[in-house]
Amino acid sequence: MTILVTGANGTVSREVLRALAGREPVRALVRDKSRAPDLDGVEFVVGDLDRPDTLAKAFDGVDKLFLLTPMGAHAPAQSMNALWAARQAGVEHIVRLSAIGAAHDAPTRNGRLHALSDAELQQSGIPWTILRPSNFMQNLFGAVNGNELYGVFGDGRVGVVDVRDIAAVAAEVLANPKPHAGKIYTPTGPASVSLHDAAEEIGRALGKPVRYVPQSPEETHAALRDAGLDEWMAAALTEYRAAYGSGWGDFTNDHVATVVGREPHSLADFIRDHRDRLES
């Protein structure tokens, strides 16, 4: 049984590959093998989700698929191309990484685009499981500048989740998909936290005072553009800033524990394990 993982250079897919390596034959899709991550037990194959003619060989012999498409305006087309290749290859189960709150009326364009691809998968005839995780704890990497923390929550609270826990859920479903067929999971952490809480935890870990600097949606958009993001991405993240600031992500659940059989990592766990990556 061969599992194919797309988006192999991304934060989530790398953790999924680590979680799967040694359990079953694993293949990872990359556009350029020279940029493939250094992971033992993983076969890297070349293919581009923007070019469906490059996918047949990569999907040949694949039984299960972890489908991740990069955030962007072209994500639905990339998901469609992967789904077509999966259908032609006879893939038996797809685990799709969607987004928190994905729906046709979601307050973010990213959530609305994911809703389109979720619906396409649900109507594909291929057994599926959809993951709609909360905001990643890993988004805190590089968010500390001196004694200040920046982020896109406003003053809201969010049930942030460690990507390692998303990967653990994905790996468990891929290894044993039947009980999870037709289910949608929203992995969260164990607590809903604010970035004020995160600043306090990071300060303890770094041994210095760190304060969170909230920004308005307009300030967030300007800062993202100044950082070099294009207009689409800056606007999409600004939409998340407005949504999270209104309390949209303020919830937790037991989905990680239900699937994996253990509690998810806390924010304190995450900060302790990644202390060296938190300062920019």
Protein backbone atom coordinates (compact mmCIF):
# COMPACT_ATOMS: atom_id res chain seq x y z
CA MET A 1 0.00 0.00 0.00
CA THR A 2 1.72 3.18 -1.19
CA ILE A 3 0.86 6.60 0.25
CA LEU A 4 1.52 9.75 -1.78
CA VAL A 5 1.99 13.07 0.03
CA THR A 6 1.72 16.36 -1.87
CA GLY A 7 3.26 19.66 -0.77
CA ALA A 8 6.29 17.79 0.53
CA ASN A 9 8.31 20.95 1.20
CA GLY A 10 5.60 22.50 3.35
CA THR A 11 5.39 22.58 7.15
CA VAL A 12 2.46 20.16 7.45
CA SER A 13 3.48 17.65 4.78
CA ARG A 14 7.00 17.36 6.16
CA GLU A 15 5.56 16.36 9.52
CA VAL A 16 3.15 13.94 7.83
CA LEU A 17 6.10 12.32 6.04
CA ARG A 18 7.99 12.01 9.32
CA ALA A 19 4.95 10.47 10.98
CA LEU A 20 4.48 7.94 8.16
CA ALA A 21 8.11 6.99 7.45
CA GLY A 22 8.69 3.37 8.46
CA ARG A 23 4.98 2.55 8.77
CA GLU A 24 4.12 2.06 5.10
CA PRO A 25 5.73 2.81 1.72
CA VAL A 26 5.64 6.59 1.34
CA ARG A 27 6.08 8.70 -1.78
CA ALA A 28 6.35 12.49 -1.79
CA LEU A 29 5.50 14.81 -4.67
CA VAL A 30 7.98 17.61 -5.38
CA ARG A 31 8.50 19.93 -8.32
CA ASP A 32 12.28 19.80 -7.93
CA LYS A 33 14.11 16.86 -6.35
CA SER A 34 17.09 19.06 -5.52
CA ARG A 35 14.88 20.93 -3.05
CA ALA A 36 13.38 17.81 -1.44
CA PRO A 37 13.70 17.58 2.35
CA ASP A 38 16.22 15.11 3.73
CA LEU A 39 13.93 12.37 5.05
CA ASP A 40 14.82 8.69 5.32
CA GLY A 41 12.36 6.11 4.05
CA VAL A 42 10.62 8.47 1.62
CA GLU A 43 10.61 8.12 -2.17
CA PHE A 44 10.56 11.51 -3.90
CA VAL A 45 8.85 11.83 -7.28
CA VAL A 46 8.60 14.84 -9.57
CA GLY A 47 5.25 16.35 -10.45
CA ASP A 48 3.47 19.69 -10.48
CA LEU A 49 -0.14 20.13 -9.38
CA ASP A 50 -0.41 23.04 -11.82
CA ARG A 51 0.46 20.67 -14.70
CA PRO A 52 -1.82 17.61 -14.73
CA ASP A 53 0.24 16.01 -17.51
CA THR A 54 3.11 15.56 -15.00
CA LEU A 55 1.09 13.61 -12.41
CA ALA A 56 0.33 10.18 -13.92
CA LYS A 57 3.74 8.65 -13.17
CA ALA A 58 3.82 10.07 -9.65
CA PHE A 59 0.35 8.67 -8.87
CA ASP A 60 0.98 5.25 -10.47
CA GLY A 61 0.53 2.50 -7.87
CA VAL A 62 -0.68 4.89 -5.17
CA ASP A 63 -3.42 3.57 -2.87
CA LYS A 64 -3.82 6.49 -0.47
CA LEU A 65 -3.24 10.22 -0.88
CA PHE A 66 -2.52 13.06 1.52
CA LEU A 67 -3.64 16.07 -0.48
CA LEU A 68 -2.30 19.47 0.48
CA THR A 69 -2.43 22.45 -1.85
CA PRO A 70 -0.59 25.71 -1.06
CA MET A 71 -2.73 28.62 0.06
CA GLY A 72 -3.46 30.76 -2.97
CA ALA A 73 -5.92 31.69 -5.68
CA HIS A 74 -5.02 28.62 -7.77
CA ALA A 75 -5.57 26.07 -5.00
CA PRO A 76 -8.93 24.76 -6.35
CA ALA A 77 -7.38 24.03 -9.76
CA GLN A 78 -4.44 22.25 -8.11
CA SER A 79 -6.79 20.17 -5.97
CA MET A 80 -8.89 19.35 -9.04
CA ASN A 81 -5.80 18.18 -10.94
CA ALA A 82 -4.72 15.96 -8.04
CA LEU A 83 -8.20 14.51 -7.72
CA TRP A 84 -8.31 13.69 -11.43
CA ALA A 85 -4.92 11.96 -11.25
CA ALA A 86 -6.06 10.04 -8.16
CA ARG A 87 -9.21 8.85 -9.93
CA GLN A 88 -7.19 7.66 -12.94
CA ALA A 89 -4.73 5.85 -10.67
CA GLY A 90 -7.44 4.09 -8.65
CA VAL A 91 -6.56 5.74 -5.32
CA GLU A 92 -8.70 4.20 -2.58
CA HIS A 93 -8.71 6.95 0.07
CA ILE A 94 -7.84 10.65 0.18
CA VAL A 95 -7.04 12.68 3.28
CA ARG A 96 -7.40 16.33 2.35
CA LEU A 97 -5.94 19.22 4.32
CA SER A 98 -8.58 21.94 4.23
CA ALA A 99 -8.82 25.01 6.48
CA ILE A 100 -10.53 25.97 9.70
CA GLY A 101 -14.12 27.00 9.09
CA ALA A 102 -14.06 26.12 5.39
CA ALA A 103 -17.51 26.95 4.04
CA HIS A 104 -19.11 28.80 1.16
CA ASP A 105 -19.90 31.66 3.57
CA ALA A 106 -16.55 31.62 5.44
CA PRO A 107 -15.18 35.05 6.40
CA THR A 108 -11.92 34.33 4.55
CA ARG A 109 -11.33 33.77 0.85
CA ASN A 110 -9.08 30.85 1.77
CA GLY A 111 -11.94 29.17 3.60
CA ARG A 112 -14.31 29.73 0.69
CA LEU A 113 -11.83 28.28 -1.81
CA HIS A 114 -11.27 25.22 0.38
CA ALA A 115 -15.03 24.73 0.56
CA LEU A 116 -15.07 24.32 -3.22
CA SER A 117 -12.37 21.65 -3.15
CA ASP A 118 -13.90 19.90 -0.14
CA ALA A 119 -17.21 19.64 -2.01
CA GLU A 120 -15.49 18.31 -5.12
CA LEU A 121 -13.76 15.60 -3.10
CA GLN A 122 -16.99 14.68 -1.29
CA GLN A 123 -18.69 14.15 -4.65
CA SER A 124 -15.77 12.31 -6.26
CA GLY A 125 -16.76 8.76 -5.38
CA ILE A 126 -13.39 8.21 -3.70
CA PRO A 127 -13.53 7.56 0.07
CA TRP A 128 -12.30 10.64 1.88
CA THR A 129 -11.43 12.27 5.18
CA ILE A 130 -11.10 16.04 5.51
CA LEU A 131 -8.94 17.85 8.07
CA ARG A 132 -9.78 21.48 8.87
CA PRO A 133 -7.17 22.37 11.50
CA SER A 134 -7.08 25.47 13.63
CA ASN A 135 -4.30 28.04 13.30
CA PHE A 136 -0.84 26.46 13.55
CA MET A 137 1.41 27.05 16.55
CA GLN A 138 4.26 26.98 14.01
CA ASN A 139 2.99 30.33 12.71
CA LEU A 140 4.73 31.79 15.78
CA PHE A 141 8.14 31.02 14.23
CA GLY A 142 9.92 34.30 13.62
CA ALA A 143 7.07 36.31 15.12
CA VAL A 144 9.21 37.71 17.95
CA ASN A 145 11.20 40.81 17.10
CA GLY A 146 13.29 41.89 20.07
CA ASN A 147 10.85 42.06 22.95
CA GLU A 148 7.72 42.22 20.80
CA LEU A 149 5.45 39.53 19.35
CA TYR A 150 3.37 40.14 16.23
CA GLY A 151 0.52 38.02 14.87
CA VAL A 152 -2.88 37.95 13.21
CA PHE A 153 -5.27 37.28 16.11
CA GLY A 154 -6.00 40.82 17.23
CA ASP A 155 -7.15 40.39 20.83
CA GLY A 156 -9.02 37.18 20.05
CA ARG A 157 -8.44 33.72 21.42
CA VAL A 158 -7.79 30.73 19.15
CA GLY A 159 -7.52 26.97 19.77
CA VAL A 160 -4.07 26.86 18.14
CA VAL A 161 -2.74 23.42 17.19
CA ASP A 162 0.77 22.01 16.86
CA VAL A 163 1.42 20.81 13.30
CA ARG A 164 2.86 17.62 14.83
CA ASP A 165 -0.65 16.81 16.03
CA ILE A 166 -2.20 17.51 12.62
CA ALA A 167 0.39 15.13 11.14
CA ALA A 168 -0.35 12.49 13.76
CA VAL A 169 -4.06 12.62 12.88
CA ALA A 170 -3.30 12.43 9.16
CA ALA A 171 -0.89 9.52 9.59
CA GLU A 172 -3.35 7.54 11.69
CA VAL A 173 -6.15 8.04 9.16
CA LEU A 174 -3.88 7.09 6.26
CA ALA A 175 -2.66 3.97 8.05
CA ASN A 176 -6.20 2.89 8.98
CA PRO A 177 -8.66 4.86 6.84
CA LYS A 178 -11.84 2.79 7.05
CA PRO A 179 -13.09 4.06 10.46
CA HIS A 180 -12.51 7.66 9.34
CA ALA A 181 -14.12 7.54 5.90
CA GLY A 182 -16.59 10.37 5.32
CA LYS A 183 -15.53 12.28 8.44
CA ILE A 184 -14.38 15.86 8.90
CA TYR A 185 -11.96 16.60 11.74
CA THR A 186 -10.91 20.01 13.03
CA PRO A 187 -7.72 19.40 15.02
CA THR A 188 -7.17 21.98 17.77
CA GLY A 189 -4.86 22.29 20.72
CA PRO A 190 -6.02 21.67 24.30
CA ALA A 191 -6.73 25.33 25.08
CA SER A 192 -7.91 28.47 23.35
CA VAL A 193 -5.23 31.10 23.82
CA SER A 194 -4.53 34.73 22.96
CA LEU A 195 -1.29 36.10 21.63
CA HIS A 196 -0.93 37.88 24.97
CA ASP A 197 -0.77 34.36 26.50
CA ALA A 198 1.73 33.30 23.83
CA ALA A 199 3.95 36.32 24.52
CA GLU A 200 4.00 35.47 28.21
CA GLU A 201 4.93 31.81 27.53
CA ILE A 202 7.60 32.79 25.01
CA GLY A 203 9.04 35.33 27.45
CA ARG A 204 9.39 32.64 30.09
CA ALA A 205 11.13 30.33 27.62
CA LEU A 206 13.50 33.04 26.36
CA GLY A 207 14.16 34.47 29.78
CA LYS A 208 13.11 38.01 28.91
CA PRO A 209 9.91 40.06 28.83
CA VAL A 210 7.97 39.72 25.58
CA ARG A 211 4.81 41.68 24.87
CA TYR A 212 2.24 41.15 22.16
CA VAL A 213 1.63 44.13 19.88
CA PRO A 214 -1.91 43.91 18.47
CA GLN A 215 -2.53 45.52 15.12
CA SER A 216 -5.73 46.58 13.42
CA PRO A 217 -6.65 44.78 10.18
CA GLU A 218 -5.44 47.83 8.26
CA GLU A 219 -2.10 47.81 10.09
CA THR A 220 -1.79 44.07 9.53
CA HIS A 221 -2.36 44.47 5.80
CA ALA A 222 0.23 47.25 5.54
CA ALA A 223 2.80 45.27 7.52
CA LEU A 224 2.31 42.18 5.36
CA ARG A 225 2.72 44.18 2.16
CA ASP A 226 5.83 45.84 3.59
CA ALA A 227 7.17 42.34 4.35
CA GLY A 228 6.93 41.49 0.66
CA LEU A 229 3.68 39.48 0.46
CA ASP A 230 1.62 39.93 -2.67
CA GLU A 231 -1.80 41.57 -2.48
CA TRP A 232 -3.78 38.30 -2.57
CA MET A 233 -1.88 36.74 0.34
CA ALA A 234 -1.80 39.94 2.38
CA ALA A 235 -5.54 40.40 1.94
CA ALA A 236 -6.25 36.75 2.81
CA LEU A 237 -4.23 36.94 6.04
CA THR A 238 -5.88 40.23 6.90
CA GLU A 239 -9.24 38.49 6.61
CA TYR A 240 -8.00 35.93 9.13
CA ARG A 241 -6.92 38.80 11.40
CA ALA A 242 -10.45 40.21 11.34
CA ALA A 243 -12.07 36.79 11.81
CA TYR A 244 -9.85 35.69 14.69
CA GLY A 245 -10.18 39.08 16.32
CA SER A 246 -13.95 38.60 16.40
CA GLY A 247 -13.65 35.27 18.26
CA TRP A 248 -14.19 33.07 15.19
CA GLY A 249 -11.45 30.61 16.20
CA ASP A 250 -12.18 30.56 19.92
CA PHE A 251 -12.93 26.85 20.45
CA THR A 252 -11.26 23.52 21.14
CA ASN A 253 -12.36 19.90 20.72
CA ASP A 254 -11.22 16.30 21.28
CA HIS A 255 -10.52 15.38 17.65
CA VAL A 256 -6.78 14.80 18.13
CA ALA A 257 -7.33 12.61 21.18
CA THR A 258 -10.17 10.71 19.48
CA VAL A 259 -8.08 9.80 16.43
CA VAL A 260 -4.58 9.50 17.89
CA GLY A 261 -5.36 8.31 21.41
CA ARG A 262 -3.42 11.01 23.26
CA GLU A 263 -3.88 14.65 24.14
CA PRO A 264 -2.53 17.30 21.75
CA HIS A 265 0.55 19.35 22.59
CA SER A 266 -0.05 22.46 24.66
CA LEU A 267 1.32 25.85 23.70
CA ALA A 268 3.85 25.53 26.53
CA ASP A 269 4.98 22.15 25.12
CA PHE A 270 5.42 23.68 21.69
CA ILE A 271 7.36 26.70 22.92
CA ARG A 272 9.65 24.54 25.05
CA ASP A 273 10.38 22.21 22.12
CA HIS A 274 11.02 25.04 19.63
CA ARG A 275 12.54 27.76 21.76
CA ASP A 276 15.43 28.31 19.32
CA ARG A 277 13.08 29.06 16.39
CA LEU A 278 10.87 31.64 18.03
CA GLU A 279 13.05 34.71 17.64
CA SER A 280 13.43 36.35 14.23
